[in-house]
Amino acid sequence: MFLTRQHVAIVRTLGVAIVATVGLSACATYDDEFAGINSRLDTLDTRVQSAAQSAESANQSAQQANQRLDQMESRVQQLETAPRRVPRG
């Protein structure tokens, strides 16, 4: 059986269609994988931003606590260096 040009063209067209279908189905798989990866990255980004906000809040609280300690230290030094008062009575 000899293949005519028309048969060869049909076989080529079917071959291209099969390759295209397989290629597109592979792309769909990659699209699903990329969607999953992007979702995980979004989740991680949200966690990192939350952690950064928590760290900033903790840093501000620590700075305020240090300022209060400095004020207390200054007052304690004043009391320690003040002349002793003689008790009445």
C-alpha atoms as a PDB file:
ATOM      1  CA  MET A   1       0.000   0.000   0.000  1.00  0.00           C
ATOM      2  CA  PHE A   2       1.459   3.270  -1.099  1.00  0.00           C
ATOM      3  CA  LEU A   3       0.912   6.480   0.826  1.00  0.00           C
ATOM      4  CA  THR A   4      -0.246   9.360  -1.259  1.00  0.00           C
ATOM      5  CA  ARG A   5       0.624  12.929  -0.501  1.00  0.00           C
ATOM      6  CA  GLN A   6      -2.809  13.369   1.006  1.00  0.00           C
ATOM      7  CA  HIS A   7      -2.219  10.443   3.376  1.00  0.00           C
ATOM      8  CA  VAL A   8       1.182  11.823   4.378  1.00  0.00           C
ATOM      9  CA  ALA A   9      -0.398  15.214   5.065  1.00  0.00           C
ATOM     10  CA  ILE A  10      -3.110  13.617   7.200  1.00  0.00           C
ATOM     11  CA  VAL A  11      -0.531  11.589   9.147  1.00  0.00           C
ATOM     12  CA  ARG A  12       1.587  14.709   9.711  1.00  0.00           C
ATOM     13  CA  THR A  13      -1.461  16.681  10.862  1.00  0.00           C
ATOM     14  CA  LEU A  14      -2.453  13.926  13.265  1.00  0.00           C
ATOM     15  CA  GLY A  15       1.130  13.707  14.553  1.00  0.00           C
ATOM     16  CA  VAL A  16       1.254  17.450  15.158  1.00  0.00           C
ATOM     17  CA  ALA A  17      -2.150  17.321  16.864  1.00  0.00           C
ATOM     18  CA  ILE A  18      -1.005  14.494  19.150  1.00  0.00           C
ATOM     19  CA  VAL A  19       2.235  16.279  20.042  1.00  0.00           C
ATOM     20  CA  ALA A  20       0.337  19.518  20.653  1.00  0.00           C
ATOM     21  CA  THR A  21      -2.207  17.767  22.881  1.00  0.00           C
ATOM     22  CA  VAL A  22       0.529  16.081  24.918  1.00  0.00           C
ATOM     23  CA  GLY A  23       2.420  19.366  25.142  1.00  0.00           C
ATOM     24  CA  LEU A  24      -0.648  21.286  26.274  1.00  0.00           C
ATOM     25  CA  SER A  25      -1.528  18.695  28.870  1.00  0.00           C
ATOM     26  CA  ALA A  26       2.025  18.991  30.214  1.00  0.00           C
ATOM     27  CA  CYS A  27       1.591  22.772  30.379  1.00  0.00           C
ATOM     28  CA  ALA A  28      -1.608  22.319  32.351  1.00  0.00           C
ATOM     29  CA  THR A  29       0.310  20.165  34.826  1.00  0.00           C
ATOM     30  CA  TYR A  30       2.981  22.825  35.138  1.00  0.00           C
ATOM     31  CA  ASP A  31       0.288  25.472  35.581  1.00  0.00           C
ATOM     32  CA  ASP A  32      -1.104  23.494  38.511  1.00  0.00           C
ATOM     33  CA  GLU A  33       2.370  23.123  39.997  1.00  0.00           C
ATOM     34  CA  PHE A  34       3.103  26.834  39.555  1.00  0.00           C
ATOM     35  CA  ALA A  35      -0.245  27.703  41.151  1.00  0.00           C
ATOM     36  CA  GLY A  36       0.617  25.510  44.138  1.00  0.00           C
ATOM     37  CA  ILE A  37       4.074  27.019  44.455  1.00  0.00           C
ATOM     38  CA  ASN A  38       2.682  30.543  44.166  1.00  0.00           C
ATOM     39  CA  SER A  39       0.127  29.762  46.861  1.00  0.00           C
ATOM     40  CA  ARG A  40       2.864  28.496  49.176  1.00  0.00           C
ATOM     41  CA  LEU A  41       4.971  31.583  48.459  1.00  0.00           C
ATOM     42  CA  ASP A  42       2.009  33.842  49.255  1.00  0.00           C
ATOM     43  CA  THR A  43       1.515  32.007  52.548  1.00  0.00           C
ATOM     44  CA  LEU A  44       5.194  32.363  53.409  1.00  0.00           C
ATOM     45  CA  ASP A  45       5.138  36.044  52.474  1.00  0.00           C
ATOM     46  CA  THR A  46       2.177  36.608  54.799  1.00  0.00           C
ATOM     47  CA  ARG A  47       3.984  34.808  57.623  1.00  0.00           C
ATOM     48  CA  VAL A  48       7.166  36.799  57.076  1.00  0.00           C
ATOM     49  CA  GLN A  49       5.257  40.090  57.102  1.00  0.00           C
ATOM     50  CA  SER A  50       3.458  39.057  60.288  1.00  0.00           C
ATOM     51  CA  ALA A  51       6.752  38.075  61.921  1.00  0.00           C
ATOM     52  CA  ALA A  52       8.324  41.373  60.871  1.00  0.00           C
ATOM     53  CA  GLN A  53       5.420  43.308  62.409  1.00  0.00           C
ATOM     54  CA  SER A  54       5.696  41.285  65.616  1.00  0.00           C
ATOM     55  CA  ALA A  55       9.432  41.906  65.748  1.00  0.00           C
ATOM     56  CA  GLU A  56       8.929  45.633  65.214  1.00  0.00           C
ATOM     57  CA  SER A  57       6.330  45.736  67.982  1.00  0.00           C
ATOM     58  CA  ALA A  58       8.635  43.823  70.338  1.00  0.00           C
ATOM     59  CA  ASN A  59      11.491  46.173  69.453  1.00  0.00           C
ATOM     60  CA  GLN A  60       9.385  49.228  70.289  1.00  0.00           C
ATOM     61  CA  SER A  61       8.307  47.680  73.593  1.00  0.00           C
ATOM     62  CA  ALA A  62      11.925  46.895  74.453  1.00  0.00           C
ATOM     63  CA  GLN A  63      12.985  50.466  73.659  1.00  0.00           C
ATOM     64  CA  GLN A  64      10.246  51.847  75.905  1.00  0.00           C
ATOM     65  CA  ALA A  65      11.275  49.474  78.692  1.00  0.00           C
ATOM     66  CA  ASN A  66      14.906  50.566  78.308  1.00  0.00           C
ATOM     67  CA  GLN A  67      13.868  54.218  78.556  1.00  0.00           C
ATOM     68  CA  ARG A  68      11.942  53.510  81.761  1.00  0.00           C
ATOM     69  CA  LEU A  69      14.946  51.625  83.179  1.00  0.00           C
ATOM     70  CA  ASP A  70      17.238  54.547  82.327  1.00  0.00           C
ATOM     71  CA  GLN A  71      14.868  56.931  84.128  1.00  0.00           C
ATOM     72  CA  MET A  72      14.749  54.646  87.152  1.00  0.00           C
ATOM     73  CA  GLU A  73      18.527  54.273  87.157  1.00  0.00           C
ATOM     74  CA  SER A  74      18.916  58.032  87.151  1.00  0.00           C
ATOM     75  CA  ARG A  75      16.522  58.366  90.088  1.00  0.00           C
ATOM     76  CA  VAL A  76      18.248  55.564  92.031  1.00  0.00           C
ATOM     77  CA  GLN A  77      21.624  57.271  91.545  1.00  0.00           C
ATOM     78  CA  GLN A  78      20.183  60.556  92.796  1.00  0.00           C
ATOM     79  CA  LEU A  79      18.831  58.841  95.897  1.00  0.00           C
ATOM     80  CA  GLU A  80      22.109  57.016  96.546  1.00  0.00           C
ATOM     81  CA  THR A  81      24.223  60.176  96.245  1.00  0.00           C
ATOM     82  CA  ALA A  82      21.854  62.402  98.231  1.00  0.00           C
ATOM     83  CA  PRO A  83      23.049  63.281 101.713  1.00  0.00           C
ATOM     84  CA  ARG A  84      21.587  61.134 104.432  1.00  0.00           C
ATOM     85  CA  ARG A  85      18.765  62.670 106.322  1.00  0.00           C
ATOM     86  CA  VAL A  86      18.895  62.573 110.058  1.00  0.00           C
ATOM     87  CA  PRO A  87      15.815  60.986 111.535  1.00  0.00           C
ATOM     88  CA  ARG A  88      13.689  63.219 113.714  1.00  0.00           C
ATOM     89  CA  GLY A  89      12.969  62.427 117.232  1.00  0.00           C
END
